[in-house]
Amino acid sequence: MDRVCLLLMRLPTSEDEAKRMLGIAFRASERHSEAAIYLMGEGVFWAKGLMPRKCLSMALDRGADVKASKRDLLARGISESAIEQRIRLLDDLEGELVEDAMGKAHRVVSW
């Protein structure tokens, strides 16, 4: 099965941009491929909610595996209780990304 890794390192400026940023994950689910979404740096604000939460929830509903760095959350003052419960929090997000991108994914896209 094909796998796509998305690195989200910033927030979108609009809902349309959020849908564009997650479009690859949406298309992967339509093609019965897997999608892994990595929230890194400023991208962890996706996990908090705000405008893109609806789009992120849609990706989760379609089976995307969403992961965030505990360290990035802490650095930005985001508590674990404030994020979407289906997001996996990892101590070594970068290590998992390298393993995923090198061993499983056929495509890696960064925003």
C-alpha atoms as a PDB file:
ATOM      1  CA  MET A   1       0.000   0.000   0.000  1.00  0.00           C
ATOM      2  CA  ASP A   2       1.224   3.518  -0.811  1.00  0.00           C
ATOM      3  CA  ARG A   3       1.925   5.930   2.031  1.00  0.00           C
ATOM      4  CA  VAL A   4       2.189   9.719   1.996  1.00  0.00           C
ATOM      5  CA  CYS A   5       3.872  11.803   4.712  1.00  0.00           C
ATOM      6  CA  LEU A   6       2.791  15.414   5.186  1.00  0.00           C
ATOM      7  CA  LEU A   7       4.869  17.767   7.298  1.00  0.00           C
ATOM      8  CA  LEU A   8       2.809  20.714   8.482  1.00  0.00           C
ATOM      9  CA  MET A   9       5.144  23.313   9.937  1.00  0.00           C
ATOM     10  CA  ARG A  10       2.885  26.370   9.825  1.00  0.00           C
ATOM     11  CA  LEU A  11      -0.779  27.313  10.028  1.00  0.00           C
ATOM     12  CA  PRO A  12      -2.714  28.070   6.871  1.00  0.00           C
ATOM     13  CA  THR A  13      -3.911  31.613   6.189  1.00  0.00           C
ATOM     14  CA  SER A  14      -7.426  30.517   5.222  1.00  0.00           C
ATOM     15  CA  GLU A  15      -9.719  27.509   5.214  1.00  0.00           C
ATOM     16  CA  ASP A  16      -9.107  27.118   1.483  1.00  0.00           C
ATOM     17  CA  GLU A  17      -5.371  26.934   2.096  1.00  0.00           C
ATOM     18  CA  ALA A  18      -5.934  24.402   4.893  1.00  0.00           C
ATOM     19  CA  LYS A  19      -7.874  22.206   2.471  1.00  0.00           C
ATOM     20  CA  ARG A  20      -5.090  22.594  -0.103  1.00  0.00           C
ATOM     21  CA  MET A  21      -2.446  21.689   2.472  1.00  0.00           C
ATOM     22  CA  LEU A  22      -4.370  18.550   3.435  1.00  0.00           C
ATOM     23  CA  GLY A  23      -5.487  17.765  -0.112  1.00  0.00           C
ATOM     24  CA  ILE A  24      -2.814  15.116  -0.572  1.00  0.00           C
ATOM     25  CA  ALA A  25      -4.034  13.305   2.550  1.00  0.00           C
ATOM     26  CA  PHE A  26      -7.627  13.534   1.313  1.00  0.00           C
ATOM     27  CA  ARG A  27      -6.667  12.152  -2.112  1.00  0.00           C
ATOM     28  CA  ALA A  28      -4.640   9.375  -0.483  1.00  0.00           C
ATOM     29  CA  SER A  29      -7.705   8.203   1.440  1.00  0.00           C
ATOM     30  CA  GLU A  30      -9.782   8.270  -1.753  1.00  0.00           C
ATOM     31  CA  ARG A  31      -7.171   6.011  -3.372  1.00  0.00           C
ATOM     32  CA  HIS A  32      -7.071   3.712  -0.334  1.00  0.00           C
ATOM     33  CA  SER A  33      -3.546   4.820   0.510  1.00  0.00           C
ATOM     34  CA  GLU A  34      -2.278   5.717   3.954  1.00  0.00           C
ATOM     35  CA  ALA A  35      -1.488   9.260   5.043  1.00  0.00           C
ATOM     36  CA  ALA A  36       0.687  10.297   7.961  1.00  0.00           C
ATOM     37  CA  ILE A  37       0.526  13.929   9.049  1.00  0.00           C
ATOM     38  CA  TYR A  38       3.352  15.316  11.164  1.00  0.00           C
ATOM     39  CA  LEU A  39       2.669  18.525  13.104  1.00  0.00           C
ATOM     40  CA  MET A  40       6.026  20.164  13.702  1.00  0.00           C
ATOM     41  CA  GLY A  41       7.180  23.593  14.876  1.00  0.00           C
ATOM     42  CA  GLU A  42       4.407  26.155  14.421  1.00  0.00           C
ATOM     43  CA  GLY A  43       2.362  23.370  12.806  1.00  0.00           C
ATOM     44  CA  VAL A  44       1.430  22.063  16.257  1.00  0.00           C
ATOM     45  CA  PHE A  45      -1.123  24.881  16.426  1.00  0.00           C
ATOM     46  CA  TRP A  46      -3.222  22.718  14.063  1.00  0.00           C
ATOM     47  CA  ALA A  47      -3.661  20.385  17.043  1.00  0.00           C
ATOM     48  CA  LYS A  48      -4.990  23.150  19.263  1.00  0.00           C
ATOM     49  CA  GLY A  49      -7.915  23.907  17.062  1.00  0.00           C
ATOM     50  CA  LEU A  50      -8.498  27.376  15.754  1.00  0.00           C
ATOM     51  CA  MET A  51      -9.508  27.605  12.105  1.00  0.00           C
ATOM     52  CA  PRO A  52      -7.924  24.456  10.641  1.00  0.00           C
ATOM     53  CA  ARG A  53      -9.315  22.059  13.254  1.00  0.00           C
ATOM     54  CA  LYS A  54     -12.297  21.195  11.059  1.00  0.00           C
ATOM     55  CA  CYS A  55      -9.948  20.286   8.208  1.00  0.00           C
ATOM     56  CA  LEU A  56      -7.692  18.256  10.481  1.00  0.00           C
ATOM     57  CA  SER A  57     -10.729  16.424  11.887  1.00  0.00           C
ATOM     58  CA  MET A  58     -11.742  15.572   8.320  1.00  0.00           C
ATOM     59  CA  ALA A  59      -8.295  14.050   7.721  1.00  0.00           C
ATOM     60  CA  LEU A  60      -8.549  12.051  10.959  1.00  0.00           C
ATOM     61  CA  ASP A  61     -12.041  10.888  10.003  1.00  0.00           C
ATOM     62  CA  ARG A  62     -10.597   9.609   6.714  1.00  0.00           C
ATOM     63  CA  GLY A  63      -7.985   7.553   8.534  1.00  0.00           C
ATOM     64  CA  ALA A  64      -4.941   9.829   8.535  1.00  0.00           C
ATOM     65  CA  ASP A  65      -2.388   9.060  11.223  1.00  0.00           C
ATOM     66  CA  VAL A  66      -1.720  12.463  12.828  1.00  0.00           C
ATOM     67  CA  LYS A  67       1.288  12.904  15.091  1.00  0.00           C
ATOM     68  CA  ALA A  68       2.686  15.842  17.053  1.00  0.00           C
ATOM     69  CA  SER A  69       5.810  16.505  19.067  1.00  0.00           C
ATOM     70  CA  LYS A  70       5.332  16.800  22.823  1.00  0.00           C
ATOM     71  CA  ARG A  71       8.347  19.121  22.902  1.00  0.00           C
ATOM     72  CA  ASP A  72       6.838  21.462  20.263  1.00  0.00           C
ATOM     73  CA  LEU A  73       3.542  21.588  22.167  1.00  0.00           C
ATOM     74  CA  LEU A  74       5.317  22.428  25.409  1.00  0.00           C
ATOM     75  CA  ALA A  75       7.462  25.102  23.723  1.00  0.00           C
ATOM     76  CA  ARG A  76       4.311  26.840  22.494  1.00  0.00           C
ATOM     77  CA  GLY A  77       2.374  26.563  25.749  1.00  0.00           C
ATOM     78  CA  ILE A  78      -0.152  24.055  24.441  1.00  0.00           C
ATOM     79  CA  SER A  79      -1.324  21.515  27.001  1.00  0.00           C
ATOM     80  CA  GLU A  80      -1.993  17.932  25.988  1.00  0.00           C
ATOM     81  CA  SER A  81      -5.582  18.302  27.201  1.00  0.00           C
ATOM     82  CA  ALA A  82      -6.185  21.139  24.697  1.00  0.00           C
ATOM     83  CA  ILE A  83      -5.633  19.064  21.571  1.00  0.00           C
ATOM     84  CA  GLU A  84      -7.698  16.660  19.485  1.00  0.00           C
ATOM     85  CA  GLN A  85      -7.631  13.299  21.288  1.00  0.00           C
ATOM     86  CA  ARG A  86      -6.918  11.263  18.142  1.00  0.00           C
ATOM     87  CA  ILE A  87      -3.543  12.968  17.625  1.00  0.00           C
ATOM     88  CA  ARG A  88      -0.643  10.821  18.778  1.00  0.00           C
ATOM     89  CA  LEU A  89       1.894  12.699  20.883  1.00  0.00           C
ATOM     90  CA  LEU A  90       5.467  11.521  20.506  1.00  0.00           C
ATOM     91  CA  ASP A  91       8.703  12.216  22.348  1.00  0.00           C
ATOM     92  CA  ASP A  92      10.774  11.533  19.206  1.00  0.00           C
ATOM     93  CA  LEU A  93       8.631  12.799  16.344  1.00  0.00           C
ATOM     94  CA  GLU A  94      11.657  13.463  14.152  1.00  0.00           C
ATOM     95  CA  GLY A  95      12.921   9.900  14.571  1.00  0.00           C
ATOM     96  CA  GLU A  96       9.537   8.476  13.623  1.00  0.00           C
ATOM     97  CA  LEU A  97       9.363  10.789  10.621  1.00  0.00           C
ATOM     98  CA  VAL A  98      12.747   9.597   9.359  1.00  0.00           C
ATOM     99  CA  GLU A  99      11.724   5.945   9.742  1.00  0.00           C
ATOM    100  CA  ASP A 100       8.386   6.602   8.049  1.00  0.00           C
ATOM    101  CA  ALA A 101       9.791   8.673   5.175  1.00  0.00           C
ATOM    102  CA  MET A 102      12.722   6.332   4.494  1.00  0.00           C
ATOM    103  CA  GLY A 103      10.994   3.010   5.008  1.00  0.00           C
ATOM    104  CA  LYS A 104       7.301   3.345   4.209  1.00  0.00           C
ATOM    105  CA  ALA A 105       6.390   6.500   2.304  1.00  0.00           C
ATOM    106  CA  HIS A 106       6.439   6.918  -1.431  1.00  0.00           C
ATOM    107  CA  ARG A 107       5.974  10.689  -1.128  1.00  0.00           C
ATOM    108  CA  VAL A 108       6.850  13.359   1.443  1.00  0.00           C
ATOM    109  CA  VAL A 109       5.327  16.840   1.212  1.00  0.00           C
ATOM    110  CA  SER A 110       6.202  19.783   3.446  1.00  0.00           C
ATOM    111  CA  TRP A 111       4.246  22.975   4.141  1.00  0.00           C
END
